[in-house]
Amino acid sequence: MRDAFRDRGELRADRPGGLRAAIAHTTLAAEAIWKRDRIDAERYRALVGPFRDVGIGVPDRE
């Protein structure tokens, strides 16, 4: 996932905390999946989209 976020310009491997940022993105996406019935569709897509973009299976919101 770190490479996927780097490609989107959201993560720079040469900065301290790069791995931490990837972990934070993963944690937020996991929480969005868990609570998907409580967040709007646009927010859900924003949080899980990077994972889908690299081929990771993510459940639909509905």
N, C-alpha and C. Protein backbone atom coordinates (compact mmCIF):
# COMPACT_ATOMS: atom_id res chain seq x y z
N MET A 1 0.81 -1.18 0.00
CA MET A 1 0.00 0.00 0.00
C MET A 1 0.86 1.25 0.00
N ARG A 2 1.99 1.18 0.66
CA ARG A 2 2.84 2.37 0.72
C ARG A 2 3.17 2.86 -0.68
N ASP A 3 3.47 1.95 -1.60
CA ASP A 3 3.79 2.34 -2.97
C ASP A 3 2.59 2.97 -3.66
N ALA A 4 1.41 2.46 -3.39
CA ALA A 4 0.20 3.02 -4.01
C ALA A 4 -0.02 4.46 -3.54
N PHE A 5 0.16 4.71 -2.26
CA PHE A 5 -0.01 6.07 -1.77
C PHE A 5 1.09 6.98 -2.28
N ARG A 6 2.29 6.46 -2.43
CA ARG A 6 3.40 7.26 -2.96
C ARG A 6 3.07 7.69 -4.39
N ASP A 7 2.53 6.77 -5.20
CA ASP A 7 2.16 7.10 -6.58
C ASP A 7 1.12 8.21 -6.63
N ARG A 8 0.25 8.28 -5.65
CA ARG A 8 -0.79 9.31 -5.61
C ARG A 8 -0.25 10.62 -5.03
N GLY A 9 1.00 10.63 -4.62
CA GLY A 9 1.58 11.85 -4.07
C GLY A 9 1.20 12.09 -2.62
N GLU A 10 0.63 11.10 -1.96
CA GLU A 10 0.19 11.27 -0.59
C GLU A 10 1.22 10.78 0.42
N LEU A 11 2.27 10.17 -0.07
CA LEU A 11 3.25 9.58 0.84
C LEU A 11 4.61 9.71 0.19
N ARG A 12 5.57 10.14 0.96
CA ARG A 12 6.93 10.21 0.44
C ARG A 12 7.81 9.32 1.27
N ALA A 13 8.44 8.37 0.62
CA ALA A 13 9.26 7.39 1.34
C ALA A 13 10.49 8.02 1.96
N ASP A 14 10.93 9.15 1.40
CA ASP A 14 12.15 9.76 1.91
C ASP A 14 11.91 10.63 3.14
N ARG A 15 10.66 10.78 3.55
CA ARG A 15 10.35 11.57 4.74
C ARG A 15 10.14 10.66 5.93
N PRO A 16 10.55 11.11 7.12
CA PRO A 16 10.25 10.32 8.31
C PRO A 16 8.74 10.19 8.47
N GLY A 17 8.30 9.05 8.92
CA GLY A 17 6.88 8.84 9.13
C GLY A 17 6.17 8.28 7.92
N GLY A 18 6.89 7.98 6.86
CA GLY A 18 6.26 7.44 5.66
C GLY A 18 5.51 6.15 5.94
N LEU A 19 6.13 5.26 6.65
CA LEU A 19 5.48 4.00 7.00
C LEU A 19 4.31 4.27 7.95
N ARG A 20 4.49 5.19 8.86
CA ARG A 20 3.40 5.54 9.79
C ARG A 20 2.19 6.07 9.03
N ALA A 21 2.45 6.86 8.00
CA ALA A 21 1.35 7.39 7.20
C ALA A 21 0.60 6.26 6.49
N ALA A 22 1.34 5.28 5.97
CA ALA A 22 0.70 4.14 5.32
C ALA A 22 -0.14 3.35 6.31
N ILE A 23 0.37 3.17 7.51
CA ILE A 23 -0.38 2.47 8.55
C ILE A 23 -1.64 3.26 8.92
N ALA A 24 -1.53 4.56 9.00
CA ALA A 24 -2.69 5.40 9.33
C ALA A 24 -3.75 5.29 8.24
N HIS A 25 -3.34 5.32 6.96
CA HIS A 25 -4.30 5.17 5.86
C HIS A 25 -5.00 3.82 5.94
N THR A 26 -4.25 2.78 6.25
CA THR A 26 -4.81 1.44 6.35
C THR A 26 -5.80 1.35 7.51
N THR A 27 -5.46 1.95 8.63
CA THR A 27 -6.35 1.95 9.79
C THR A 27 -7.65 2.69 9.49
N LEU A 28 -7.55 3.84 8.84
CA LEU A 28 -8.76 4.60 8.50
C LEU A 28 -9.64 3.82 7.53
N ALA A 29 -9.04 3.16 6.57
CA ALA A 29 -9.82 2.37 5.63
C ALA A 29 -10.51 1.20 6.34
N ALA A 30 -9.80 0.56 7.25
CA ALA A 30 -10.40 -0.55 8.01
C ALA A 30 -11.58 -0.06 8.84
N GLU A 31 -11.45 1.09 9.46
CA GLU A 31 -12.56 1.64 10.24
C GLU A 31 -13.74 2.01 9.33
N ALA A 32 -13.43 2.52 8.14
CA ALA A 32 -14.49 2.87 7.19
C ALA A 32 -15.26 1.62 6.76
N ILE A 33 -14.54 0.53 6.53
CA ILE A 33 -15.20 -0.72 6.15
C ILE A 33 -16.08 -1.21 7.29
N TRP A 34 -15.56 -1.16 8.49
CA TRP A 34 -16.29 -1.62 9.66
C TRP A 34 -17.54 -0.79 9.91
N LYS A 35 -17.45 0.52 9.69
CA LYS A 35 -18.57 1.44 9.98
C LYS A 35 -19.21 1.97 8.70
N ARG A 36 -19.12 1.22 7.61
CA ARG A 36 -19.56 1.72 6.31
C ARG A 36 -21.03 2.11 6.25
N ASP A 37 -21.84 1.56 7.12
CA ASP A 37 -23.25 1.93 7.12
C ASP A 37 -23.49 3.28 7.81
N ARG A 38 -22.45 3.83 8.43
CA ARG A 38 -22.59 5.10 9.15
C ARG A 38 -21.90 6.28 8.48
N ILE A 39 -21.23 6.04 7.36
CA ILE A 39 -20.58 7.15 6.65
C ILE A 39 -21.15 7.25 5.24
N ASP A 40 -21.06 8.43 4.66
CA ASP A 40 -21.65 8.61 3.33
C ASP A 40 -20.78 7.94 2.26
N ALA A 41 -21.39 7.68 1.12
CA ALA A 41 -20.73 6.94 0.05
C ALA A 41 -19.46 7.62 -0.45
N GLU A 42 -19.49 8.93 -0.55
CA GLU A 42 -18.31 9.66 -1.06
C GLU A 42 -17.12 9.50 -0.11
N ARG A 43 -17.35 9.61 1.15
CA ARG A 43 -16.28 9.44 2.16
C ARG A 43 -15.74 8.02 2.11
N TYR A 44 -16.64 7.06 1.99
CA TYR A 44 -16.23 5.66 1.93
C TYR A 44 -15.32 5.42 0.72
N ARG A 45 -15.74 5.92 -0.44
CA ARG A 45 -14.92 5.77 -1.66
C ARG A 45 -13.56 6.43 -1.48
N ALA A 46 -13.52 7.57 -0.84
CA ALA A 46 -12.25 8.27 -0.65
C ALA A 46 -11.30 7.48 0.24
N LEU A 47 -11.84 6.79 1.23
CA LEU A 47 -10.99 6.06 2.16
C LEU A 47 -10.55 4.70 1.64
N VAL A 48 -11.41 4.03 0.89
CA VAL A 48 -11.05 2.69 0.42
C VAL A 48 -10.60 2.67 -1.04
N GLY A 49 -10.78 3.75 -1.76
CA GLY A 49 -10.42 3.81 -3.17
C GLY A 49 -8.98 3.43 -3.47
N PRO A 50 -8.01 3.94 -2.71
CA PRO A 50 -6.62 3.57 -3.00
C PRO A 50 -6.36 2.06 -2.90
N PHE A 51 -7.09 1.40 -2.03
CA PHE A 51 -6.92 -0.05 -1.88
C PHE A 51 -7.51 -0.77 -3.10
N ARG A 52 -8.68 -0.32 -3.54
CA ARG A 52 -9.29 -0.90 -4.74
C ARG A 52 -8.41 -0.65 -5.96
N ASP A 53 -7.81 0.52 -6.02
CA ASP A 53 -6.97 0.88 -7.16
C ASP A 53 -5.80 -0.08 -7.37
N VAL A 54 -5.33 -0.69 -6.30
CA VAL A 54 -4.20 -1.63 -6.42
C VAL A 54 -4.66 -3.08 -6.37
N GLY A 55 -5.99 -3.28 -6.46
CA GLY A 55 -6.51 -4.64 -6.58
C GLY A 55 -6.87 -5.35 -5.28
N ILE A 56 -6.89 -4.63 -4.18
CA ILE A 56 -7.27 -5.24 -2.92
C ILE A 56 -8.80 -5.25 -2.83
N GLY A 57 -9.35 -6.40 -2.52
CA GLY A 57 -10.80 -6.54 -2.42
C GLY A 57 -11.35 -5.76 -1.24
N VAL A 58 -12.34 -4.93 -1.52
CA VAL A 58 -12.98 -4.12 -0.49
C VAL A 58 -14.49 -4.30 -0.64
N PRO A 59 -15.20 -4.55 0.46
CA PRO A 59 -16.65 -4.73 0.33
C PRO A 59 -17.33 -3.44 -0.12
N ASP A 60 -18.42 -3.63 -0.88
CA ASP A 60 -19.22 -2.48 -1.27
C ASP A 60 -19.84 -1.86 -0.04
N ARG A 61 -20.16 -0.59 -0.15
CA ARG A 61 -20.73 0.12 0.99
C ARG A 61 -22.12 -0.41 1.33
N GLU A 62 -22.88 -0.76 0.32
CA GLU A 62 -24.26 -1.20 0.56
C GLU A 62 -24.44 -2.65 0.30
